[in-house]
C-alpha atoms as a PDB file:
ATOM      1  CA  UNK A   1     -28.664  53.785  20.059  1.00  0.00           C
ATOM      2  CA  UNK A   2     -25.248  52.338  19.246  1.00  0.00           C
ATOM      3  CA  UNK A   3     -23.337  54.388  16.689  1.00  0.00           C
ATOM      4  CA  UNK A   4     -20.625  52.366  14.972  1.00  0.00           C
ATOM      5  CA  UNK A   5     -18.828  55.422  13.580  1.00  0.00           C
ATOM      6  CA  UNK A   6     -18.527  56.969  17.054  1.00  0.00           C
ATOM      7  CA  UNK A   7     -17.254  53.659  18.412  1.00  0.00           C
ATOM      8  CA  UNK A   8     -14.568  53.473  15.740  1.00  0.00           C
ATOM      9  CA  UNK A   9     -13.525  57.030  16.490  1.00  0.00           C
ATOM     10  CA  UNK A  10     -13.071  56.185  20.175  1.00  0.00           C
ATOM     11  CA  UNK A  11     -10.632  53.346  19.396  1.00  0.00           C
ATOM     12  CA  UNK A  12      -7.922  55.640  18.019  1.00  0.00           C
ATOM     13  CA  UNK A  13      -4.616  53.725  18.051  1.00  0.00           C
ATOM     14  CA  UNK A  14      -5.524  50.865  20.383  1.00  0.00           C
ATOM     15  CA  UNK A  15      -6.579  48.075  18.020  1.00  0.00           C
ATOM     16  CA  UNK A  16      -4.729  45.892  15.493  1.00  0.00           C
ATOM     17  CA  UNK A  17      -7.572  43.454  14.670  1.00  0.00           C
ATOM     18  CA  UNK A  18     -11.262  44.270  14.583  1.00  0.00           C
ATOM     19  CA  UNK A  19     -14.139  41.885  13.853  1.00  0.00           C
ATOM     20  CA  UNK A  20     -17.185  43.830  12.677  1.00  0.00           C
ATOM     21  CA  UNK A  21     -18.917  40.871  11.048  1.00  0.00           C
ATOM     22  CA  UNK A  22     -22.726  40.858  11.233  1.00  0.00           C
ATOM     23  CA  UNK A  23     -22.879  44.551  12.164  1.00  0.00           C
ATOM     24  CA  UNK A  24     -24.271  47.624  10.438  1.00  0.00           C
ATOM     25  CA  UNK A  25     -20.813  48.596   9.179  1.00  0.00           C
ATOM     26  CA  UNK A  26     -21.202  50.653   6.009  1.00  0.00           C
ATOM     27  CA  UNK A  27     -18.839  52.467   3.655  1.00  0.00           C
ATOM     28  CA  UNK A  28     -18.484  55.461   5.988  1.00  0.00           C
ATOM     29  CA  UNK A  29     -17.607  53.224   8.931  1.00  0.00           C
ATOM     30  CA  UNK A  30     -15.157  51.272   6.800  1.00  0.00           C
ATOM     31  CA  UNK A  31     -13.426  54.505   5.799  1.00  0.00           C
ATOM     32  CA  UNK A  32     -13.160  55.565   9.466  1.00  0.00           C
ATOM     33  CA  UNK A  33     -11.819  52.145  10.475  1.00  0.00           C
ATOM     34  CA  UNK A  34      -9.198  52.290   7.708  1.00  0.00           C
ATOM     35  CA  UNK A  35      -7.819  55.445   9.313  1.00  0.00           C
ATOM     36  CA  UNK A  36      -7.080  53.738  12.651  1.00  0.00           C
ATOM     37  CA  UNK A  37      -3.274  53.855  12.812  1.00  0.00           C
ATOM     38  CA  UNK A  38      -2.595  50.343  14.172  1.00  0.00           C
ATOM     39  CA  UNK A  39      -5.418  48.431  12.493  1.00  0.00           C
ATOM     40  CA  UNK A  40      -4.004  45.615  10.335  1.00  0.00           C
ATOM     41  CA  UNK A  41      -6.932  43.201   9.967  1.00  0.00           C
ATOM     42  CA  UNK A  42     -10.628  43.893   9.645  1.00  0.00           C
ATOM     43  CA  UNK A  43     -13.233  41.124   9.509  1.00  0.00           C
ATOM     44  CA  UNK A  44     -16.256  42.332   7.538  1.00  0.00           C
ATOM     45  CA  UNK A  45     -18.573  39.385   6.777  1.00  0.00           C
ATOM     46  CA  UNK A  46     -22.297  40.228   6.577  1.00  0.00           C
ATOM     47  CA  UNK A  47     -21.976  44.016   6.595  1.00  0.00           C
ATOM     48  CA  UNK A  48     -23.360  46.780   4.411  1.00  0.00           C
ATOM     49  CA  UNK A  49     -20.040  47.574   2.739  1.00  0.00           C
ATOM     50  CA  UNK A  50     -20.260  48.090  -1.019  1.00  0.00           C
ATOM     51  CA  UNK A  51     -17.685  47.515  -3.730  1.00  0.00           C
ATOM     52  CA  UNK A  52     -17.267  51.285  -3.961  1.00  0.00           C
ATOM     53  CA  UNK A  53     -16.575  51.387  -0.217  1.00  0.00           C
ATOM     54  CA  UNK A  54     -13.781  48.857  -0.610  1.00  0.00           C
ATOM     55  CA  UNK A  55     -12.291  50.850  -3.477  1.00  0.00           C
ATOM     56  CA  UNK A  56     -12.405  53.895  -1.228  1.00  0.00           C
ATOM     57  CA  UNK A  57      -9.914  52.351   1.210  1.00  0.00           C
ATOM     58  CA  UNK A  58      -7.556  50.925  -1.406  1.00  0.00           C
ATOM     59  CA  UNK A  59      -5.027  53.583  -0.320  1.00  0.00           C
ATOM     60  CA  UNK A  60      -4.455  51.677   2.932  1.00  0.00           C
ATOM     61  CA  UNK A  61      -1.810  49.084   2.062  1.00  0.00           C
ATOM     62  CA  UNK A  62      -1.398  47.811   5.645  1.00  0.00           C
ATOM     63  CA  UNK A  63      -5.071  46.894   6.124  1.00  0.00           C
ATOM     64  CA  UNK A  64      -6.206  43.384   5.246  1.00  0.00           C
ATOM     65  CA  UNK A  65      -9.947  42.813   4.882  1.00  0.00           C
ATOM     66  CA  UNK A  66     -11.134  39.355   5.876  1.00  0.00           C
ATOM     67  CA  UNK A  67     -14.505  37.884   4.955  1.00  0.00           C
ATOM     68  CA  UNK A  68     -14.967  36.608   8.479  1.00  0.00           C
END
């Protein structure tokens, strides 16, 4: 079974833009993605992210969330 959190962990510092629209991305996965050092843009349309999950990554000023 595909584990999104493990996938995000394997990316490390290789990605600047990531489109996770229409995936099972949740708050935990969002938090892990926000820690990727080079990630600037994250597309998150049709995911399981909650408002609380978005507040949880507010510390990351370089990351721009896109609705898709």
